N, C-alpha and C. Protein backbone atom coordinates (compact mmCIF):
# COMPACT_ATOMS: atom_id res chain seq x y z
N MET A 1 102.32 103.28 141.28
CA MET A 1 103.13 102.93 140.23
C MET A 1 102.37 101.96 139.28
N THR A 2 102.05 102.29 138.04
CA THR A 2 101.66 101.23 137.13
C THR A 2 102.47 100.43 137.18
N ARG A 3 102.63 99.30 136.24
CA ARG A 3 103.38 98.45 135.50
C ARG A 3 103.94 98.38 134.35
N ALA A 4 103.58 99.41 134.15
CA ALA A 4 104.06 100.22 132.57
C ALA A 4 105.59 100.77 133.17
N SER A 5 104.78 101.68 134.12
CA SER A 5 106.24 102.92 133.97
C SER A 5 106.92 101.81 135.71
N ARG A 6 106.60 101.06 135.61
CA ARG A 6 107.68 100.21 136.83
C ARG A 6 108.55 99.12 135.59
N ASN A 7 108.08 99.02 134.05
CA ASN A 7 108.60 98.27 133.03
C ASN A 7 109.69 99.13 132.59
N LEU A 8 109.68 100.57 132.59
CA LEU A 8 110.19 101.03 131.91
C LEU A 8 111.28 102.02 133.27
N SER A 9 110.91 101.90 133.92
CA SER A 9 112.47 102.21 135.23
C SER A 9 112.90 101.27 135.03
N ALA A 10 112.63 100.16 134.91
CA ALA A 10 113.24 98.82 135.92
C ALA A 10 114.40 98.64 134.00
N GLY A 11 113.85 98.58 132.66
CA GLY A 11 113.93 98.30 131.58
C GLY A 11 115.46 99.65 131.62
N ALA A 12 115.27 100.34 131.59
CA ALA A 12 116.17 101.91 131.48
C ALA A 12 117.02 101.68 132.71
N ALA A 13 116.67 101.03 133.56
CA ALA A 13 117.86 100.99 134.58
C ALA A 13 119.04 99.84 134.59
N THR A 14 118.48 99.07 133.48
CA THR A 14 119.00 97.31 133.40
C THR A 14 119.80 97.96 132.25
N LEU A 15 119.63 98.88 131.03
CA LEU A 15 119.94 99.35 129.95
C LEU A 15 121.03 100.05 130.49
N VAL A 16 120.84 100.73 131.06
CA VAL A 16 122.04 101.91 131.93
C VAL A 16 123.41 101.17 132.16
N ALA A 17 123.12 100.08 133.36
CA ALA A 17 123.94 99.07 133.95
C ALA A 17 124.75 98.57 132.76
N GLY A 18 124.05 97.74 132.04
CA GLY A 18 124.37 97.15 130.96
C GLY A 18 125.29 97.77 130.00
N LEU A 19 125.25 99.40 129.76
CA LEU A 19 125.72 100.02 128.87
C LEU A 19 127.04 100.28 129.63
N GLY A 20 127.28 100.28 130.65
CA GLY A 20 128.36 100.44 131.86
C GLY A 20 129.39 99.83 132.03
N LEU A 21 128.74 98.67 132.19
CA LEU A 21 129.76 97.27 131.81
C LEU A 21 130.47 97.16 130.52
N TRP A 22 129.67 97.25 129.81
CA TRP A 22 130.27 96.86 127.96
C TRP A 22 130.94 98.39 128.26
N LEU A 23 131.20 99.29 128.67
CA LEU A 23 132.03 100.80 128.13
C LEU A 23 133.22 100.44 128.77
N PHE A 24 132.73 100.09 130.05
CA PHE A 24 133.92 100.19 131.34
C PHE A 24 134.67 99.08 131.78
N ALA A 25 134.49 98.26 131.76
CA ALA A 25 134.50 96.28 132.07
C ALA A 25 135.41 96.00 130.95
N GLU A 26 136.21 96.79 130.35
CA GLU A 26 137.00 95.52 129.65
C GLU A 26 138.06 94.79 129.75
N GLY A 27 138.93 95.82 130.32
CA GLY A 27 140.22 95.07 131.25
C GLY A 27 139.96 94.20 132.37
N VAL A 28 138.59 94.00 132.74
CA VAL A 28 138.08 93.08 134.21
C VAL A 28 138.06 91.35 133.61
N ASP A 29 139.24 90.66 134.50
CA ASP A 29 139.12 89.29 133.82
C ASP A 29 138.84 88.68 135.05
N LEU A 30 137.26 87.89 134.62
CA LEU A 30 136.42 87.06 135.91
C LEU A 30 136.23 85.44 135.37
N PRO A 31 136.48 85.03 135.93
CA PRO A 31 136.64 82.89 135.86
C PRO A 31 135.59 82.96 135.04
N VAL A 32 134.48 83.09 135.32
CA VAL A 32 133.14 82.70 135.02
C VAL A 32 132.60 83.20 133.96
N VAL A 33 132.71 84.49 133.66
CA VAL A 33 132.10 85.67 132.66
C VAL A 33 133.09 86.48 132.45
N THR A 34 132.54 86.95 131.41
CA THR A 34 133.40 88.51 130.92
C THR A 34 131.81 89.27 130.95
N PRO A 35 132.74 90.55 131.90
CA PRO A 35 131.65 91.44 131.90
C PRO A 35 130.95 92.10 131.28
N THR A 36 131.52 92.49 130.09
CA THR A 36 131.54 93.09 128.58
C THR A 36 130.61 92.17 127.80
N LYS A 37 130.47 90.97 127.91
CA LYS A 37 129.29 89.91 127.28
C LYS A 37 128.42 90.03 128.20
N ALA A 38 128.49 90.24 129.18
CA ALA A 38 127.17 90.37 130.43
C ALA A 38 126.80 92.03 130.64
N GLY A 39 127.26 92.51 129.88
CA GLY A 39 126.91 94.11 129.72
C GLY A 39 126.08 94.08 128.48
N VAL A 40 126.18 92.85 127.49
CA VAL A 40 125.84 93.15 125.99
C VAL A 40 124.28 92.31 126.64
N VAL A 41 124.01 91.86 127.36
CA VAL A 41 123.24 90.91 127.87
C VAL A 41 122.30 91.57 128.27
N MET A 42 122.55 92.07 129.49
CA MET A 42 122.07 93.23 130.44
C MET A 42 121.23 94.16 129.71
N MET A 43 121.97 94.98 128.69
CA MET A 43 121.43 95.77 127.68
C MET A 43 120.16 95.63 126.51
N CYS A 44 120.04 94.26 126.29
CA CYS A 44 119.29 93.37 125.76
C CYS A 44 118.21 93.23 126.68
N VAL A 45 118.58 92.67 127.51
CA VAL A 45 117.30 92.35 128.50
C VAL A 45 116.55 93.58 128.66
N GLY A 46 117.22 94.82 128.90
CA GLY A 46 116.67 95.90 129.15
C GLY A 46 116.21 97.06 128.28
N GLY A 47 116.28 96.64 127.37
CA GLY A 47 115.60 97.24 126.28
C GLY A 47 114.59 96.27 125.78
N ALA A 48 114.67 95.00 125.88
CA ALA A 48 113.08 94.49 125.91
C ALA A 48 112.20 94.50 127.03
N GLU A 49 112.59 95.15 128.22
CA GLU A 49 111.73 95.14 128.96
C GLU A 49 110.90 96.71 129.10
N PHE A 50 112.26 97.03 128.63
CA PHE A 50 111.83 98.98 128.12
C PHE A 50 110.49 98.99 126.79
N LEU A 51 110.94 98.02 126.15
CA LEU A 51 109.95 97.95 124.91
C LEU A 51 108.75 97.32 125.31
N LEU A 52 108.85 96.76 126.37
CA LEU A 52 107.13 96.02 126.98
C LEU A 52 106.89 97.49 127.55
N GLY A 53 107.37 97.83 128.76
CA GLY A 53 106.81 98.95 129.10
C GLY A 53 105.90 100.27 128.29
N LEU A 54 106.73 100.34 127.32
CA LEU A 54 105.78 101.20 126.03
C LEU A 54 104.77 100.73 125.53
N TYR A 55 105.10 99.32 125.15
CA TYR A 55 103.53 98.53 125.07
C TYR A 55 102.57 98.58 125.48
N ARG A 56 103.28 98.08 126.89
CA ARG A 56 102.12 98.24 127.90
C ARG A 56 101.32 99.74 128.09
N ALA A 57 102.02 100.93 127.93
CA ALA A 57 101.65 101.73 128.19
C ALA A 57 100.97 102.64 126.88
N ALA A 58 101.05 102.15 125.74
CA ALA A 58 99.89 102.37 124.86
C ALA A 58 98.79 101.35 125.08
N TRP A 59 99.12 100.33 125.30
CA TRP A 59 98.14 99.70 125.61
C TRP A 59 96.81 99.82 126.16
N THR A 60 97.57 100.48 127.57
CA THR A 60 96.35 100.96 128.48
C THR A 60 96.12 102.36 127.99
N SER A 61 96.09 103.34 127.38
CA SER A 61 95.90 104.65 126.58
C SER A 61 94.87 104.57 125.67
N ALA A 62 95.07 102.84 124.77
CA ALA A 62 94.51 103.13 123.89
C ALA A 62 93.05 102.00 124.30
N GLY A 63 93.49 101.76 125.43
CA GLY A 63 91.86 100.71 126.04
C GLY A 63 91.14 101.60 126.83
N SER A 64 91.49 102.75 127.27
CA SER A 64 91.02 103.98 127.81
C SER A 64 89.93 104.81 127.13
N ARG A 65 90.54 104.55 125.64
CA ARG A 65 89.09 105.78 124.60
C ARG A 65 88.03 104.97 124.53
């Protein structure tokens, strides 16, 4: 498994988990952090990691020409 595919899969999983928190944890109250806000942060981090995986995949395919 290449680094690009690891970044793509981890980014997609983090993005989906954050989306789940954002959509379904509306009424949950925790003393330290709001799950919906944590979901938004997770979606941003997951999206960034997914884009990094796309960049690495494009970079390695362009380098093998």
